[in-house]
Amino acid sequence: MSDRARRPVLAGNWKMHRLRAEAADYAVALRAGLPAEPPAEVVLFPSFLSIPTLAEALAGSPVEVGGQDLHAQPEGAHTGDVSAAQLLDAGCRWVLCGHSERRRDHGETDARVIAKARAALAAGLRPIVCVGESRDERRAGQTFDVLDRQVAELPEDPALLLAYEPVWAIGTGETATPEVAADAHRFLRERLGRRLGEPYACRLRILYGGSVTPDNASELAARADIDGFLVGGASLDPRRFLAILGAFAPSGADPRGTP
């Protein structure tokens, strides 16, 4: 099940990196190298404190900004958390839900991740819901069972995206082969097609995340069911990030902007 009319998305997750001044410098470099008409939607997810700086520095460009997490409640006594409204107020249009590091470090359950996605949608944010199996789950042959469980209650909304990020390939330098990644993406699309209908599943954009670099981006992007990337470490360097963006450029086109 594929639909190459789906517009790719290139998302960069900075995790707990970069200060505000560095974010501003990054925006300058990114804007200088960005094509006039990027071949994909481009979104950056900086730390919470750098969101306003980056949003202001990228204003008027095709690049949008998102939050790395949010609370499912609109407000309240939730020390250390951030709400959808606060993200919007800071300049965000996107948000990550259920990144594997949030699941691992903060004990986020599938139910909590889905609640966050619903809260994001209700507020007008575009959630990228992250799913994926651990190394032990993959070795036990449980990959599809894990993915099936993680999307069982996924909301049906055109603003929602998925990101398949095999936990064993995040920050390890180990990347799922294009065949492995494509199999997982195909399973997710077919599974959601059975539950929510084939038209919805065909429109759903599913990103791949897991040690994406300029060296492997083109081969991954060529797979019909891979609709973009959620990039970690390589997104911290604007030159490498732009090189990955070039993987979505039409054949023969110059993926670089004018410095």
C-alpha atoms as a PDB file:
ATOM      1  CA  MET A   1       0.000   0.000   0.000  1.00  0.00           C
ATOM      2  CA  SER A   2       1.762   3.162  -1.115  1.00  0.00           C
ATOM      3  CA  ASP A   3       1.038   6.682  -2.293  1.00  0.00           C
ATOM      4  CA  ARG A   4       4.003   8.667  -3.507  1.00  0.00           C
ATOM      5  CA  ALA A   5       1.871  11.826  -3.455  1.00  0.00           C
ATOM      6  CA  ARG A   6       2.517  11.961   0.298  1.00  0.00           C
ATOM      7  CA  ARG A   7       4.797  14.941   0.941  1.00  0.00           C
ATOM      8  CA  PRO A   8       7.945  13.874   2.820  1.00  0.00           C
ATOM      9  CA  VAL A   9       8.803  15.322   6.205  1.00  0.00           C
ATOM     10  CA  LEU A  10      12.315  15.859   7.538  1.00  0.00           C
ATOM     11  CA  ALA A  11      12.285  16.328  11.308  1.00  0.00           C
ATOM     12  CA  GLY A  12      15.325  17.073  13.439  1.00  0.00           C
ATOM     13  CA  ASN A  13      15.253  16.141  17.129  1.00  0.00           C
ATOM     14  CA  TRP A  14      17.941  18.028  19.016  1.00  0.00           C
ATOM     15  CA  LYS A  15      17.209  16.226  22.301  1.00  0.00           C
ATOM     16  CA  MET A  16      19.147  17.865  25.185  1.00  0.00           C
ATOM     17  CA  HIS A  17      21.619  19.738  22.984  1.00  0.00           C
ATOM     18  CA  ARG A  18      22.300  23.340  21.932  1.00  0.00           C
ATOM     19  CA  LEU A  19      22.004  26.644  23.787  1.00  0.00           C
ATOM     20  CA  ARG A  20      19.957  29.602  22.551  1.00  0.00           C
ATOM     21  CA  ALA A  21      22.871  31.344  20.829  1.00  0.00           C
ATOM     22  CA  GLU A  22      23.769  28.099  19.076  1.00  0.00           C
ATOM     23  CA  ALA A  23      20.173  27.693  17.947  1.00  0.00           C
ATOM     24  CA  ALA A  24      20.222  31.185  16.434  1.00  0.00           C
ATOM     25  CA  ASP A  25      23.486  30.478  14.597  1.00  0.00           C
ATOM     26  CA  TYR A  26      22.075  27.197  13.339  1.00  0.00           C
ATOM     27  CA  ALA A  27      19.044  28.982  11.900  1.00  0.00           C
ATOM     28  CA  VAL A  28      21.271  31.357   9.958  1.00  0.00           C
ATOM     29  CA  ALA A  29      23.253  28.479   8.437  1.00  0.00           C
ATOM     30  CA  LEU A  30      20.130  26.482   7.671  1.00  0.00           C
ATOM     31  CA  ARG A  31      18.390  29.380   5.938  1.00  0.00           C
ATOM     32  CA  ALA A  32      21.505  30.069   3.863  1.00  0.00           C
ATOM     33  CA  GLY A  33      21.585  26.516   2.487  1.00  0.00           C
ATOM     34  CA  LEU A  34      17.866  25.827   2.226  1.00  0.00           C
ATOM     35  CA  PRO A  35      16.428  25.457  -1.295  1.00  0.00           C
ATOM     36  CA  ALA A  36      13.818  28.040  -2.250  1.00  0.00           C
ATOM     37  CA  GLU A  37      11.300  25.211  -2.475  1.00  0.00           C
ATOM     38  CA  PRO A  38      12.410  22.402  -0.136  1.00  0.00           C
ATOM     39  CA  PRO A  39      11.558  18.891  -1.360  1.00  0.00           C
ATOM     40  CA  ALA A  40      10.104  18.049   2.080  1.00  0.00           C
ATOM     41  CA  GLU A  41       8.446  19.727   5.018  1.00  0.00           C
ATOM     42  CA  VAL A  42      11.181  20.614   7.495  1.00  0.00           C
ATOM     43  CA  VAL A  43      10.658  20.708  11.268  1.00  0.00           C
ATOM     44  CA  LEU A  44      13.114  21.180  14.127  1.00  0.00           C
ATOM     45  CA  PHE A  45      12.530  20.023  17.710  1.00  0.00           C
ATOM     46  CA  PRO A  46      14.914  21.939  20.003  1.00  0.00           C
ATOM     47  CA  SER A  47      14.939  21.921  23.783  1.00  0.00           C
ATOM     48  CA  PHE A  48      12.050  23.828  25.359  1.00  0.00           C
ATOM     49  CA  LEU A  49      14.226  26.829  26.283  1.00  0.00           C
ATOM     50  CA  SER A  50      15.418  27.311  22.696  1.00  0.00           C
ATOM     51  CA  ILE A  51      11.982  27.129  21.069  1.00  0.00           C
ATOM     52  CA  PRO A  52      11.239  30.896  21.041  1.00  0.00           C
ATOM     53  CA  THR A  53      14.749  31.735  19.826  1.00  0.00           C
ATOM     54  CA  LEU A  54      14.602  29.233  16.994  1.00  0.00           C
ATOM     55  CA  ALA A  55      11.014  30.092  16.041  1.00  0.00           C
ATOM     56  CA  GLU A  56      11.912  33.782  15.791  1.00  0.00           C
ATOM     57  CA  ALA A  57      15.094  33.092  13.806  1.00  0.00           C
ATOM     58  CA  LEU A  58      13.196  30.897  11.323  1.00  0.00           C
ATOM     59  CA  ALA A  59      10.157  33.176  10.945  1.00  0.00           C
ATOM     60  CA  GLY A  60       9.272  33.652   7.305  1.00  0.00           C
ATOM     61  CA  SER A  61      11.151  30.503   6.245  1.00  0.00           C
ATOM     62  CA  PRO A  62       9.615  27.148   5.295  1.00  0.00           C
ATOM     63  CA  VAL A  63      11.047  25.573   8.464  1.00  0.00           C
ATOM     64  CA  GLU A  64       8.704  25.027  11.416  1.00  0.00           C
ATOM     65  CA  VAL A  65       9.409  24.309  15.073  1.00  0.00           C
ATOM     66  CA  GLY A  66       8.043  21.701  17.459  1.00  0.00           C
ATOM     67  CA  GLY A  67       8.244  20.594  21.086  1.00  0.00           C
ATOM     68  CA  GLN A  68       9.875  17.346  22.168  1.00  0.00           C
ATOM     69  CA  ASP A  69       7.022  16.485  24.538  1.00  0.00           C
ATOM     70  CA  LEU A  70       3.836  17.800  26.161  1.00  0.00           C
ATOM     71  CA  HIS A  71       1.495  16.960  29.017  1.00  0.00           C
ATOM     72  CA  ALA A  72      -1.918  15.531  28.214  1.00  0.00           C
ATOM     73  CA  GLN A  73      -3.625  18.042  30.515  1.00  0.00           C
ATOM     74  CA  PRO A  74      -4.176  21.637  29.331  1.00  0.00           C
ATOM     75  CA  GLU A  75      -2.818  23.084  32.598  1.00  0.00           C
ATOM     76  CA  GLY A  76      -2.421  22.248  36.252  1.00  0.00           C
ATOM     77  CA  ALA A  77      -0.041  21.164  39.004  1.00  0.00           C
ATOM     78  CA  HIS A  78       2.439  19.270  36.828  1.00  0.00           C
ATOM     79  CA  THR A  79       5.885  20.495  37.792  1.00  0.00           C
ATOM     80  CA  GLY A  80       8.447  20.277  35.007  1.00  0.00           C
ATOM     81  CA  ASP A  81       5.867  19.645  32.274  1.00  0.00           C
ATOM     82  CA  VAL A  82       4.669  21.832  29.415  1.00  0.00           C
ATOM     83  CA  SER A  83       1.205  22.156  27.896  1.00  0.00           C
ATOM     84  CA  ALA A  84       0.043  22.271  24.301  1.00  0.00           C
ATOM     85  CA  ALA A  85      -1.022  25.896  24.739  1.00  0.00           C
ATOM     86  CA  GLN A  86       2.426  26.840  26.056  1.00  0.00           C
ATOM     87  CA  LEU A  87       4.069  25.183  23.054  1.00  0.00           C
ATOM     88  CA  LEU A  88       1.814  27.075  20.678  1.00  0.00           C
ATOM     89  CA  ASP A  89       2.504  30.308  22.540  1.00  0.00           C
ATOM     90  CA  ALA A  90       6.265  29.736  22.181  1.00  0.00           C
ATOM     91  CA  GLY A  91       5.988  29.305  18.398  1.00  0.00           C
ATOM     92  CA  CYS A  92       5.504  25.556  17.953  1.00  0.00           C
ATOM     93  CA  ARG A  93       3.324  23.918  15.349  1.00  0.00           C
ATOM     94  CA  TRP A  94       4.441  20.315  15.965  1.00  0.00           C
ATOM     95  CA  VAL A  95       5.168  18.025  18.909  1.00  0.00           C
ATOM     96  CA  LEU A  96       6.760  14.628  19.467  1.00  0.00           C
ATOM     97  CA  CYS A  97       4.764  12.051  21.427  1.00  0.00           C
ATOM     98  CA  GLY A  98       6.224   8.871  22.864  1.00  0.00           C
ATOM     99  CA  HIS A  99       9.836   9.094  21.747  1.00  0.00           C
ATOM    100  CA  SER A 100      11.602   5.955  22.937  1.00  0.00           C
ATOM    101  CA  GLU A 101      13.763   7.981  25.333  1.00  0.00           C
ATOM    102  CA  ARG A 102      10.619   9.370  26.964  1.00  0.00           C
ATOM    103  CA  ARG A 103       9.188   5.871  27.218  1.00  0.00           C
ATOM    104  CA  ARG A 104      12.453   4.560  28.692  1.00  0.00           C
ATOM    105  CA  ASP A 105      13.494   7.438  30.962  1.00  0.00           C
ATOM    106  CA  HIS A 106      10.044   8.564  32.128  1.00  0.00           C
ATOM    107  CA  GLY A 107       8.045   5.365  32.018  1.00  0.00           C
ATOM    108  CA  GLU A 108       5.598   6.602  29.409  1.00  0.00           C
ATOM    109  CA  THR A 109       3.015   3.967  28.558  1.00  0.00           C
ATOM    110  CA  ASP A 110       1.182   3.477  25.285  1.00  0.00           C
ATOM    111  CA  ALA A 111      -1.951   4.923  26.894  1.00  0.00           C
ATOM    112  CA  ARG A 112      -0.122   8.052  28.046  1.00  0.00           C
ATOM    113  CA  VAL A 113       1.417   8.553  24.611  1.00  0.00           C
ATOM    114  CA  ILE A 114      -1.987   8.330  22.935  1.00  0.00           C
ATOM    115  CA  ALA A 115      -3.455  10.753  25.492  1.00  0.00           C
ATOM    116  CA  LYS A 116      -0.703  13.228  24.643  1.00  0.00           C
ATOM    117  CA  ALA A 117      -1.379  12.839  20.917  1.00  0.00           C
ATOM    118  CA  ARG A 118      -5.082  13.514  21.467  1.00  0.00           C
ATOM    119  CA  ALA A 119      -4.259  16.611  23.536  1.00  0.00           C
ATOM    120  CA  ALA A 120      -1.953  17.885  20.803  1.00  0.00           C
ATOM    121  CA  LEU A 121      -4.602  17.404  18.128  1.00  0.00           C
ATOM    122  CA  ALA A 122      -7.266  19.107  20.238  1.00  0.00           C
ATOM    123  CA  ALA A 123      -5.001  22.145  20.631  1.00  0.00           C
ATOM    124  CA  GLY A 124      -4.088  22.378  16.956  1.00  0.00           C
ATOM    125  CA  LEU A 125      -0.579  20.910  17.148  1.00  0.00           C
ATOM    126  CA  ARG A 126       0.616  18.260  14.707  1.00  0.00           C
ATOM    127  CA  PRO A 127       1.835  15.237  16.704  1.00  0.00           C
ATOM    128  CA  ILE A 128       4.451  12.780  15.509  1.00  0.00           C
ATOM    129  CA  VAL A 129       3.720   9.595  17.459  1.00  0.00           C
ATOM    130  CA  CYS A 130       6.841   7.479  17.868  1.00  0.00           C
ATOM    131  CA  VAL A 131       6.706   3.680  17.909  1.00  0.00           C
ATOM    132  CA  GLY A 132       9.312   0.946  17.774  1.00  0.00           C
ATOM    133  CA  GLU A 133      10.707  -2.201  19.339  1.00  0.00           C
ATOM    134  CA  SER A 134      13.710  -2.773  21.592  1.00  0.00           C
ATOM    135  CA  ARG A 135      16.627  -5.017  20.712  1.00  0.00           C
ATOM    136  CA  ASP A 136      15.323  -7.799  22.980  1.00  0.00           C
ATOM    137  CA  GLU A 137      11.847  -7.553  21.459  1.00  0.00           C
ATOM    138  CA  ARG A 138      13.260  -7.762  17.974  1.00  0.00           C
ATOM    139  CA  ARG A 139      15.440 -10.770  18.841  1.00  0.00           C
ATOM    140  CA  ALA A 140      12.358 -12.466  20.287  1.00  0.00           C
ATOM    141  CA  GLY A 141      10.468 -11.943  17.030  1.00  0.00           C
ATOM    142  CA  GLN A 142       8.019  -9.524  18.674  1.00  0.00           C
ATOM    143  CA  THR A 143       8.482  -6.493  16.419  1.00  0.00           C
ATOM    144  CA  PHE A 144       5.054  -6.601  14.797  1.00  0.00           C
ATOM    145  CA  ASP A 145       3.340  -7.442  18.087  1.00  0.00           C
ATOM    146  CA  VAL A 146       4.909  -4.374  19.699  1.00  0.00           C
ATOM    147  CA  LEU A 147       3.957  -2.100  16.805  1.00  0.00           C
ATOM    148  CA  ASP A 148       0.432  -3.500  16.751  1.00  0.00           C
ATOM    149  CA  ARG A 149       0.022  -2.709  20.450  1.00  0.00           C
ATOM    150  CA  GLN A 150       1.475   0.787  20.155  1.00  0.00           C
ATOM    151  CA  VAL A 151      -0.944   1.881  17.403  1.00  0.00           C
ATOM    152  CA  ALA A 152      -4.023   0.009  18.644  1.00  0.00           C
ATOM    153  CA  GLU A 153      -5.657   3.232  19.925  1.00  0.00           C
ATOM    154  CA  LEU A 154      -4.074   5.683  17.495  1.00  0.00           C
ATOM    155  CA  PRO A 155      -6.470   8.578  16.759  1.00  0.00           C
ATOM    156  CA  GLU A 156      -7.742   8.949  13.206  1.00  0.00           C
ATOM    157  CA  ASP A 157      -6.703  12.466  12.258  1.00  0.00           C
ATOM    158  CA  PRO A 158      -5.029  13.797   9.093  1.00  0.00           C
ATOM    159  CA  ALA A 159      -2.751  16.036  11.181  1.00  0.00           C
ATOM    160  CA  LEU A 160      -1.132  13.054  12.925  1.00  0.00           C
ATOM    161  CA  LEU A 161       2.075  11.389  11.721  1.00  0.00           C
ATOM    162  CA  LEU A 162       3.868   8.242  12.829  1.00  0.00           C
ATOM    163  CA  ALA A 163       7.589   7.687  13.261  1.00  0.00           C
ATOM    164  CA  TYR A 164       8.990   4.177  13.310  1.00  0.00           C
ATOM    165  CA  GLU A 165      12.136   4.301  15.397  1.00  0.00           C
ATOM    166  CA  PRO A 166      13.592   0.895  16.264  1.00  0.00           C
ATOM    167  CA  VAL A 167      15.013   1.502  19.734  1.00  0.00           C
ATOM    168  CA  TRP A 168      18.067  -0.634  18.973  1.00  0.00           C
ATOM    169  CA  ALA A 169      19.041   1.796  16.176  1.00  0.00           C
ATOM    170  CA  ILE A 170      18.745   5.079  18.073  1.00  0.00           C
ATOM    171  CA  GLY A 171      22.062   6.674  18.939  1.00  0.00           C
ATOM    172  CA  THR A 172      23.900   3.394  18.416  1.00  0.00           C
ATOM    173  CA  GLY A 173      25.158   3.981  14.880  1.00  0.00           C
ATOM    174  CA  GLU A 174      23.276   0.826  13.937  1.00  0.00           C
ATOM    175  CA  THR A 175      20.651   1.447  11.268  1.00  0.00           C
ATOM    176  CA  ALA A 176      17.808  -0.746  10.176  1.00  0.00           C
ATOM    177  CA  THR A 177      18.398  -1.882   6.603  1.00  0.00           C
ATOM    178  CA  PRO A 178      16.047  -0.335   4.051  1.00  0.00           C
ATOM    179  CA  GLU A 179      14.333  -3.727   3.844  1.00  0.00           C
ATOM    180  CA  VAL A 180      13.804  -3.946   7.615  1.00  0.00           C
ATOM    181  CA  ALA A 181      12.551  -0.362   7.816  1.00  0.00           C
ATOM    182  CA  ALA A 182      10.257  -0.810   4.813  1.00  0.00           C
ATOM    183  CA  ASP A 183       8.781  -4.001   6.283  1.00  0.00           C
ATOM    184  CA  ALA A 184       7.887  -2.193   9.518  1.00  0.00           C
ATOM    185  CA  HIS A 185       6.403   0.772   7.659  1.00  0.00           C
ATOM    186  CA  ARG A 186       4.383  -1.543   5.420  1.00  0.00           C
ATOM    187  CA  PHE A 187       3.072  -3.446   8.436  1.00  0.00           C
ATOM    188  CA  LEU A 188       2.011  -0.234  10.174  1.00  0.00           C
ATOM    189  CA  ARG A 189       0.210   1.046   7.089  1.00  0.00           C
ATOM    190  CA  GLU A 190      -1.565  -2.258   6.484  1.00  0.00           C
ATOM    191  CA  ARG A 191      -2.499  -2.626  10.156  1.00  0.00           C
ATOM    192  CA  LEU A 192      -3.997   0.867  10.285  1.00  0.00           C
ATOM    193  CA  GLY A 193      -5.661   0.298   6.940  1.00  0.00           C
ATOM    194  CA  ARG A 194      -7.573  -2.620   8.435  1.00  0.00           C
ATOM    195  CA  ARG A 195      -8.590  -0.609  11.501  1.00  0.00           C
ATOM    196  CA  LEU A 196      -9.156   2.883  10.119  1.00  0.00           C
ATOM    197  CA  GLY A 197      -9.636   2.258   6.410  1.00  0.00           C
ATOM    198  CA  GLU A 198      -7.282   2.077   3.464  1.00  0.00           C
ATOM    199  CA  PRO A 199      -7.815   5.698   2.332  1.00  0.00           C
ATOM    200  CA  TYR A 200      -6.644   6.983   5.721  1.00  0.00           C
ATOM    201  CA  ALA A 201      -3.688   4.600   5.816  1.00  0.00           C
ATOM    202  CA  CYS A 202      -2.628   5.622   2.316  1.00  0.00           C
ATOM    203  CA  ARG A 203      -2.562   9.282   3.346  1.00  0.00           C
ATOM    204  CA  LEU A 204      -0.780   8.674   6.664  1.00  0.00           C
ATOM    205  CA  ARG A 205       2.851   9.748   6.625  1.00  0.00           C
ATOM    206  CA  ILE A 206       5.240   7.408   8.427  1.00  0.00           C
ATOM    207  CA  LEU A 207       8.769   8.603   9.128  1.00  0.00           C
ATOM    208  CA  TYR A 208      11.818   6.478   9.858  1.00  0.00           C
ATOM    209  CA  GLY A 209      14.074   7.332  12.791  1.00  0.00           C
ATOM    210  CA  GLY A 210      17.232   5.527  13.807  1.00  0.00           C
ATOM    211  CA  SER A 211      20.764   6.755  12.984  1.00  0.00           C
ATOM    212  CA  VAL A 212      19.788   8.410   9.696  1.00  0.00           C
ATOM    213  CA  THR A 213      22.799  10.063   8.025  1.00  0.00           C
ATOM    214  CA  PRO A 214      23.604  11.625   4.630  1.00  0.00           C
ATOM    215  CA  ASP A 215      25.163   8.277   3.695  1.00  0.00           C
ATOM    216  CA  ASN A 216      22.029   6.144   4.095  1.00  0.00           C
ATOM    217  CA  ALA A 217      19.241   8.699   3.570  1.00  0.00           C
ATOM    218  CA  SER A 218      18.813   8.262  -0.190  1.00  0.00           C
ATOM    219  CA  GLU A 219      18.467   4.486  -0.016  1.00  0.00           C
ATOM    220  CA  LEU A 220      15.932   4.735   2.795  1.00  0.00           C
ATOM    221  CA  ALA A 221      13.988   7.544   1.113  1.00  0.00           C
ATOM    222  CA  ALA A 222      13.606   5.475  -2.042  1.00  0.00           C
ATOM    223  CA  ARG A 223      11.314   3.021  -0.237  1.00  0.00           C
ATOM    224  CA  ALA A 224       7.672   3.649  -1.089  1.00  0.00           C
ATOM    225  CA  ASP A 225       6.331   3.441   2.471  1.00  0.00           C
ATOM    226  CA  ILE A 226       9.013   5.646   4.056  1.00  0.00           C
ATOM    227  CA  ASP A 227       7.709   9.214   4.019  1.00  0.00           C
ATOM    228  CA  GLY A 228      10.546  11.037   5.706  1.00  0.00           C
ATOM    229  CA  PHE A 229      12.921  10.939   8.648  1.00  0.00           C
ATOM    230  CA  LEU A 230      13.088  11.774  12.336  1.00  0.00           C
ATOM    231  CA  VAL A 231      16.785  12.561  12.630  1.00  0.00           C
ATOM    232  CA  GLY A 232      18.742  12.761  15.875  1.00  0.00           C
ATOM    233  CA  GLY A 233      22.487  13.363  15.926  1.00  0.00           C
ATOM    234  CA  ALA A 234      22.844  14.318  12.262  1.00  0.00           C
ATOM    235  CA  SER A 235      20.301  17.119  12.700  1.00  0.00           C
ATOM    236  CA  LEU A 236      22.673  19.004  15.009  1.00  0.00           C
ATOM    237  CA  ASP A 237      24.852  19.969  12.036  1.00  0.00           C
ATOM    238  CA  PRO A 238      22.974  22.123   9.508  1.00  0.00           C
ATOM    239  CA  ARG A 239      25.197  20.929   6.662  1.00  0.00           C
ATOM    240  CA  ARG A 240      24.471  17.273   7.377  1.00  0.00           C
ATOM    241  CA  PHE A 241      20.788  18.025   7.899  1.00  0.00           C
ATOM    242  CA  LEU A 242      20.628  19.777   4.520  1.00  0.00           C
ATOM    243  CA  ALA A 243      22.430  16.842   2.917  1.00  0.00           C
ATOM    244  CA  ILE A 244      19.731  14.510   4.249  1.00  0.00           C
ATOM    245  CA  LEU A 245      17.082  16.864   2.876  1.00  0.00           C
ATOM    246  CA  GLY A 246      18.690  16.370  -0.526  1.00  0.00           C
ATOM    247  CA  ALA A 247      17.640  12.702  -0.440  1.00  0.00           C
ATOM    248  CA  PHE A 248      14.103  13.872  -1.262  1.00  0.00           C
ATOM    249  CA  ALA A 249      15.098  16.087  -4.190  1.00  0.00           C
ATOM    250  CA  PRO A 250      13.795  14.993  -7.605  1.00  0.00           C
ATOM    251  CA  SER A 251      16.297  13.067  -9.674  1.00  0.00           C
ATOM    252  CA  GLY A 252      18.682  15.455 -11.379  1.00  0.00           C
ATOM    253  CA  ALA A 253      17.729  18.442  -9.214  1.00  0.00           C
ATOM    254  CA  ASP A 254      20.298  20.319  -7.170  1.00  0.00           C
ATOM    255  CA  PRO A 255      19.296  19.645  -3.529  1.00  0.00           C
ATOM    256  CA  ARG A 256      21.422  22.525  -2.248  1.00  0.00           C
ATOM    257  CA  GLY A 257      20.321  26.036  -1.701  1.00  0.00           C
ATOM    258  CA  THR A 258      22.363  29.112  -2.531  1.00  0.00           C
ATOM    259  CA  PRO A 259      24.700  29.923   0.345  1.00  0.00           C
END
